[in-house]
C-alpha atoms as a PDB file:
ATOM      1  CA  MET A   1      75.416  76.571  89.785  1.00  0.00           C
ATOM      2  CA  THR A   2      79.252  76.872  89.935  1.00  0.00           C
ATOM      3  CA  THR A   3      81.254  80.088  89.677  1.00  0.00           C
ATOM      4  CA  ILE A   4      82.474  78.924  86.313  1.00  0.00           C
ATOM      5  CA  ASP A   5      78.890  78.803  84.990  1.00  0.00           C
ATOM      6  CA  ALA A   6      78.110  82.223  86.468  1.00  0.00           C
ATOM      7  CA  PRO A   7      80.905  84.838  85.868  1.00  0.00           C
ATOM      8  CA  MET A   8      79.055  87.193  88.273  1.00  0.00           C
ATOM      9  CA  SER A   9      78.217  85.863  91.736  1.00  0.00           C
ATOM     10  CA  ASN A  10      76.948  88.001  94.555  1.00  0.00           C
ATOM     11  CA  GLY A  11      78.147  91.000  92.492  1.00  0.00           C
ATOM     12  CA  VAL A  12      81.618  89.617  92.273  1.00  0.00           C
ATOM     13  CA  ASP A  13      83.333  89.040  88.873  1.00  0.00           C
ATOM     14  CA  THR A  14      84.491  85.487  89.641  1.00  0.00           C
ATOM     15  CA  ALA A  15      86.447  85.124  86.377  1.00  0.00           C
ATOM     16  CA  ARG A  16      88.481  88.325  87.284  1.00  0.00           C
ATOM     17  CA  LEU A  17      88.830  87.079  90.951  1.00  0.00           C
ATOM     18  CA  PHE A  18      90.181  83.705  89.838  1.00  0.00           C
ATOM     19  CA  ALA A  19      92.432  85.388  87.278  1.00  0.00           C
ATOM     20  CA  THR A  20      93.822  87.622  89.911  1.00  0.00           C
ATOM     21  CA  LEU A  21      94.494  84.740  92.211  1.00  0.00           C
ATOM     22  CA  ASP A  22      96.354  82.847  89.344  1.00  0.00           C
ATOM     23  CA  ALA A  23      98.358  86.000  88.473  1.00  0.00           C
ATOM     24  CA  VAL A  24      99.527  86.392  92.061  1.00  0.00           C
ATOM     25  CA  LYS A  25     100.299  82.642  92.334  1.00  0.00           C
ATOM     26  CA  GLY A  26     102.477  82.973  89.164  1.00  0.00           C
ATOM     27  CA  ALA A  27     104.259  86.159  90.284  1.00  0.00           C
ATOM     28  CA  PRO A  28     104.076  86.598  94.106  1.00  0.00           C
ATOM     29  CA  GLU A  29     106.069  89.910  93.900  1.00  0.00           C
ATOM     30  CA  ILE A  30     102.987  91.698  92.528  1.00  0.00           C
ATOM     31  CA  ALA A  31     101.159  90.993  95.846  1.00  0.00           C
ATOM     32  CA  LYS A  32     103.176  93.839  97.487  1.00  0.00           C
ATOM     33  CA  PHE A  33     100.826  96.901  97.873  1.00  0.00           C
ATOM     34  CA  GLN A  34     101.221 100.247  99.627  1.00  0.00           C
ATOM     35  CA  PHE A  35      98.087 102.212 100.389  1.00  0.00           C
ATOM     36  CA  ARG A  36      98.194 105.922 101.288  1.00  0.00           C
ATOM     37  CA  ALA A  37      96.083 108.666 102.730  1.00  0.00           C
ATOM     38  CA  SER A  38      96.984 112.431 103.162  1.00  0.00           C
ATOM     39  CA  ASN A  39      95.452 114.342 105.888  1.00  0.00           C
ATOM     40  CA  ARG A  40      95.104 118.110 106.665  1.00  0.00           C
ATOM     41  CA  TRP A  41      93.829 119.849 109.758  1.00  0.00           C
ATOM     42  CA  VAL A  42      90.842 122.065 109.120  1.00  0.00           C
ATOM     43  CA  SER A  43      90.051 123.598 112.573  1.00  0.00           C
ATOM     44  CA  GLY A  44      89.661 122.474 116.125  1.00  0.00           C
ATOM     45  CA  THR A  45      89.239 118.658 115.982  1.00  0.00           C
ATOM     46  CA  HIS A  46      88.082 118.712 112.439  1.00  0.00           C
ATOM     47  CA  ASN A  47      90.459 117.259 109.755  1.00  0.00           C
ATOM     48  CA  GLN A  48      90.170 115.866 106.330  1.00  0.00           C
ATOM     49  CA  SER A  49      91.827 112.849 104.590  1.00  0.00           C
ATOM     50  CA  THR A  50      92.234 112.275 100.917  1.00  0.00           C
ATOM     51  CA  ILE A  51      92.746 108.769  99.388  1.00  0.00           C
ATOM     52  CA  HIS A  52      93.809 108.485  95.816  1.00  0.00           C
ATOM     53  CA  GLY A  53      97.111 106.910  94.796  1.00  0.00           C
ATOM     54  CA  PHE A  54      98.542 103.595  95.813  1.00  0.00           C
ATOM     55  CA  TYR A  55     101.243 101.116  94.722  1.00  0.00           C
ATOM     56  CA  GLY A  56     100.271  97.642  93.730  1.00  0.00           C
ATOM     57  CA  ALA A  57     100.889  94.891  91.134  1.00  0.00           C
ATOM     58  CA  GLY A  58     104.403  96.351  90.587  1.00  0.00           C
ATOM     59  CA  GLN A  59     103.293  99.886  89.594  1.00  0.00           C
ATOM     60  CA  GLU A  60     101.834 103.139  90.809  1.00  0.00           C
ATOM     61  CA  LEU A  61      98.050 103.248  90.473  1.00  0.00           C
ATOM     62  CA  ALA A  62      95.195 105.452  91.402  1.00  0.00           C
ATOM     63  CA  HIS A  63      91.601 105.108  92.159  1.00  0.00           C
ATOM     64  CA  ARG A  64      89.227 106.402  89.505  1.00  0.00           C
ATOM     65  CA  GLN A  65      88.759 109.543  91.586  1.00  0.00           C
ATOM     66  CA  PRO A  66      90.015 110.846  94.935  1.00  0.00           C
ATOM     67  CA  SER A  67      87.902 110.120  97.940  1.00  0.00           C
ATOM     68  CA  THR A  68      87.753 112.636 100.784  1.00  0.00           C
ATOM     69  CA  PHE A  69      86.726 111.850 104.355  1.00  0.00           C
ATOM     70  CA  ASP A  70      86.222 114.371 107.148  1.00  0.00           C
ATOM     71  CA  ALA A  71      86.680 113.465 110.767  1.00  0.00           C
ATOM     72  CA  ASP A  72      85.786 115.479 113.875  1.00  0.00           C
ATOM     73  CA  HIS A  73      84.498 114.871 117.330  1.00  0.00           C
ATOM     74  CA  PRO A  74      81.070 115.492 118.609  1.00  0.00           C
ATOM     75  CA  GLU A  75      80.266 118.678 120.566  1.00  0.00           C
ATOM     76  CA  VAL A  76      80.200 116.627 123.846  1.00  0.00           C
ATOM     77  CA  LEU A  77      83.966 115.901 123.128  1.00  0.00           C
ATOM     78  CA  VAL A  78      84.898 119.545 122.245  1.00  0.00           C
ATOM     79  CA  GLY A  79      84.376 119.223 118.453  1.00  0.00           C
ATOM     80  CA  GLN A  80      81.893 120.646 116.025  1.00  0.00           C
ATOM     81  CA  ASP A  81      80.397 117.363 114.994  1.00  0.00           C
ATOM     82  CA  ASN A  82      81.269 117.824 111.273  1.00  0.00           C
ATOM     83  CA  ALA A  83      81.827 114.100 110.779  1.00  0.00           C
ATOM     84  CA  PRO A  84      82.418 110.797 112.514  1.00  0.00           C
ATOM     85  CA  THR A  85      85.303 110.397 114.920  1.00  0.00           C
ATOM     86  CA  PRO A  86      88.486 108.590 113.883  1.00  0.00           C
ATOM     87  CA  VAL A  87      87.626 105.701 116.144  1.00  0.00           C
ATOM     88  CA  GLU A  88      84.320 105.391 114.424  1.00  0.00           C
ATOM     89  CA  PHE A  89      86.088 105.103 110.991  1.00  0.00           C
ATOM     90  CA  LEU A  90      87.976 102.176 112.509  1.00  0.00           C
ATOM     91  CA  LEU A  91      84.621 100.357 113.185  1.00  0.00           C
ATOM     92  CA  HIS A  92      83.579 101.170 109.580  1.00  0.00           C
ATOM     93  CA  ALA A  93      86.948  99.782 108.316  1.00  0.00           C
ATOM     94  CA  LEU A  94      86.474  96.523 110.179  1.00  0.00           C
ATOM     95  CA  ALA A  95      82.928  95.919 109.089  1.00  0.00           C
ATOM     96  CA  ALA A  96      83.823  96.937 105.489  1.00  0.00           C
ATOM     97  CA  CYS A  97      86.907  94.749 105.285  1.00  0.00           C
ATOM     98  CA  ILE A  98      85.109  91.584 106.520  1.00  0.00           C
ATOM     99  CA  THR A  99      82.053  92.244 104.339  1.00  0.00           C
ATOM    100  CA  SER A 100      84.049  92.757 101.184  1.00  0.00           C
ATOM    101  CA  GLY A 101      86.094  89.594 102.063  1.00  0.00           C
ATOM    102  CA  LEU A 102      82.957  87.524 102.620  1.00  0.00           C
ATOM    103  CA  ALA A 103      81.474  88.584  99.300  1.00  0.00           C
ATOM    104  CA  ASN A 104      84.559  87.389  97.414  1.00  0.00           C
ATOM    105  CA  ILE A 105      84.836  84.232  99.445  1.00  0.00           C
ATOM    106  CA  ALA A 106      81.173  83.371  98.968  1.00  0.00           C
ATOM    107  CA  ALA A 107      81.473  84.016  95.196  1.00  0.00           C
ATOM    108  CA  ALA A 108      84.551  81.795  94.954  1.00  0.00           C
ATOM    109  CA  ARG A 109      82.853  78.990  96.891  1.00  0.00           C
ATOM    110  CA  GLY A 110      79.561  79.291  94.972  1.00  0.00           C
ATOM    111  CA  VAL A 111      77.638  80.459  98.092  1.00  0.00           C
ATOM    112  CA  ASN A 112      74.620  82.555  97.350  1.00  0.00           C
ATOM    113  CA  LEU A 113      74.125  85.768  99.432  1.00  0.00           C
ATOM    114  CA  THR A 114      70.934  87.661  99.339  1.00  0.00           C
ATOM    115  CA  SER A 115      71.642  90.012 102.257  1.00  0.00           C
ATOM    116  CA  VAL A 116      74.515  90.890 104.543  1.00  0.00           C
ATOM    117  CA  GLU A 117      74.236  93.338 107.379  1.00  0.00           C
ATOM    118  CA  SER A 118      76.481  94.000 110.371  1.00  0.00           C
ATOM    119  CA  THR A 119      76.548  96.081 113.554  1.00  0.00           C
ATOM    120  CA  VAL A 120      79.852  96.996 115.073  1.00  0.00           C
ATOM    121  CA  GLU A 121      80.293  98.365 118.648  1.00  0.00           C
ATOM    122  CA  GLY A 122      83.455  99.549 120.273  1.00  0.00           C
ATOM    123  CA  ASP A 123      83.716 100.287 124.050  1.00  0.00           C
ATOM    124  CA  ILE A 124      86.146 103.137 124.940  1.00  0.00           C
ATOM    125  CA  ASP A 125      86.930 104.694 128.269  1.00  0.00           C
ATOM    126  CA  LEU A 126      87.949 108.341 127.745  1.00  0.00           C
ATOM    127  CA  LEU A 127      89.967 108.437 130.969  1.00  0.00           C
ATOM    128  CA  GLY A 128      92.910 107.088 129.006  1.00  0.00           C
ATOM    129  CA  ILE A 129      92.772 109.351 125.841  1.00  0.00           C
ATOM    130  CA  LEU A 130      92.193 112.401 128.096  1.00  0.00           C
ATOM    131  CA  GLY A 131      95.264 111.609 130.150  1.00  0.00           C
ATOM    132  CA  LEU A 132      93.255 111.272 133.354  1.00  0.00           C
ATOM    133  CA  SER A 133      94.403 107.624 134.075  1.00  0.00           C
ATOM    134  CA  ASP A 134      97.531 105.781 133.163  1.00  0.00           C
ATOM    135  CA  ASP A 135      95.713 102.556 133.977  1.00  0.00           C
ATOM    136  CA  VAL A 136      93.193 102.956 131.121  1.00  0.00           C
ATOM    137  CA  ARG A 137      94.162 102.342 127.553  1.00  0.00           C
ATOM    138  CA  ASN A 138      93.715 105.113 124.971  1.00  0.00           C
ATOM    139  CA  GLY A 139      91.836 102.944 122.439  1.00  0.00           C
ATOM    140  CA  TYR A 140      88.971 100.531 122.462  1.00  0.00           C
ATOM    141  CA  GLU A 141      88.773  98.074 125.269  1.00  0.00           C
ATOM    142  CA  ARG A 142      86.617  95.653 123.251  1.00  0.00           C
ATOM    143  CA  ILE A 143      84.975  95.556 119.829  1.00  0.00           C
ATOM    144  CA  ARG A 144      82.009  93.458 118.820  1.00  0.00           C
ATOM    145  CA  ILE A 145      80.694  92.773 115.355  1.00  0.00           C
ATOM    146  CA  SER A 146      77.507  90.962 114.684  1.00  0.00           C
ATOM    147  CA  PHE A 147      76.553  89.750 111.219  1.00  0.00           C
ATOM    148  CA  HIS A 148      73.248  88.862 109.840  1.00  0.00           C
ATOM    149  CA  LEU A 149      73.358  86.972 106.529  1.00  0.00           C
ATOM    150  CA  GLU A 150      70.684  85.616 104.263  1.00  0.00           C
ATOM    151  CA  GLY A 151      71.184  83.227 101.193  1.00  0.00           C
ATOM    152  CA  ASP A 152      72.405  79.708 101.366  1.00  0.00           C
ATOM    153  CA  GLU A 153      72.110  77.402 104.323  1.00  0.00           C
ATOM    154  CA  PRO A 154      73.392  78.830 107.647  1.00  0.00           C
ATOM    155  CA  ASP A 155      76.421  76.697 108.012  1.00  0.00           C
ATOM    156  CA  LYS A 156      77.763  77.735 104.672  1.00  0.00           C
ATOM    157  CA  LEU A 157      77.119  81.386 105.588  1.00  0.00           C
ATOM    158  CA  ARG A 158      78.830  81.062 109.004  1.00  0.00           C
ATOM    159  CA  ARG A 159      81.925  79.346 107.326  1.00  0.00           C
ATOM    160  CA  VAL A 160      82.156  82.238 104.752  1.00  0.00           C
ATOM    161  CA  VAL A 161      82.106  84.902 107.588  1.00  0.00           C
ATOM    162  CA  GLU A 162      84.790  82.966 109.546  1.00  0.00           C
ATOM    163  CA  GLN A 163      87.037  82.607 106.579  1.00  0.00           C
ATOM    164  CA  SER A 164      86.697  86.307 105.822  1.00  0.00           C
ATOM    165  CA  ARG A 165      87.545  87.094 109.393  1.00  0.00           C
ATOM    166  CA  LEU A 166      90.605  84.956 109.107  1.00  0.00           C
ATOM    167  CA  ARG A 167      91.679  86.802 105.899  1.00  0.00           C
ATOM    168  CA  SER A 168      90.670  90.358 106.893  1.00  0.00           C
ATOM    169  CA  ALA A 169      93.561  92.863 106.783  1.00  0.00           C
ATOM    170  CA  VAL A 170      91.804  95.188 109.207  1.00  0.00           C
ATOM    171  CA  TYR A 171      90.951  92.431 111.639  1.00  0.00           C
ATOM    172  CA  ASP A 172      94.582  91.294 111.537  1.00  0.00           C
ATOM    173  CA  VAL A 173      95.893  94.823 112.217  1.00  0.00           C
ATOM    174  CA  LEU A 174      93.492  95.230 115.168  1.00  0.00           C
ATOM    175  CA  THR A 175      94.139  91.851 116.828  1.00  0.00           C
ATOM    176  CA  ASN A 176      97.885  91.527 116.030  1.00  0.00           C
ATOM    177  CA  GLY A 177      99.040  95.047 115.953  1.00  0.00           C
ATOM    178  CA  VAL A 178     101.448  96.618 113.490  1.00  0.00           C
ATOM    179  CA  PRO A 179     104.479  98.827 113.966  1.00  0.00           C
ATOM    180  CA  VAL A 180     103.617 102.544 113.337  1.00  0.00           C
ATOM    181  CA  ASP A 181     106.448 104.970 112.756  1.00  0.00           C
ATOM    182  CA  VAL A 182     105.766 108.716 113.313  1.00  0.00           C
ATOM    183  CA  SER A 183     108.109 111.376 111.801  1.00  0.00           C
ATOM    184  CA  VAL A 184     107.794 115.123 112.291  1.00  0.00           C
ATOM    185  CA  THR A 185     109.035 118.019 110.196  1.00  0.00           C
ATOM    186  CA  THR A 186     108.561 121.642 111.019  1.00  0.00           C
ATOM    187  CA  GLY A 187     108.905 124.724 108.948  1.00  0.00           C
END
């Protein structure tokens, strides 16, 4: 079965996927996007981010509804454990980005998926972030992600994961870095 015969493959609307690819090929300027999040401090290490509006396809857009995410530290790290830590959200972002990509890539290639699961682990030494050692970095020292897929033959599934890794925006940011500008206003 090809993606042309099945407009939905692995939950992906392949007709819309290919139409999007064609639209961007025809007008590359619509590929420029800006995603945004606003954050506010709640108390202690607890804070909350809201994601709603973004710019893309040459216009201001918004998700159907705002999404709100709390972040905190566990009690052992002086928080109240109201939510996952920011570095745990990073692990989620990596797994989610590669998984979303592999669903699209599999659909585009006509690869059948019946199950996709992953586990992501990140090793961090708090001596850096706590300012107790200048020789230890503040962030993760290593991240591992392990996928278990079921569906088509193993070689096809492995190639889909590899292509998704190569095209993942989150993987790219983590492995290649990105400039981050910080500004402050007071009042």
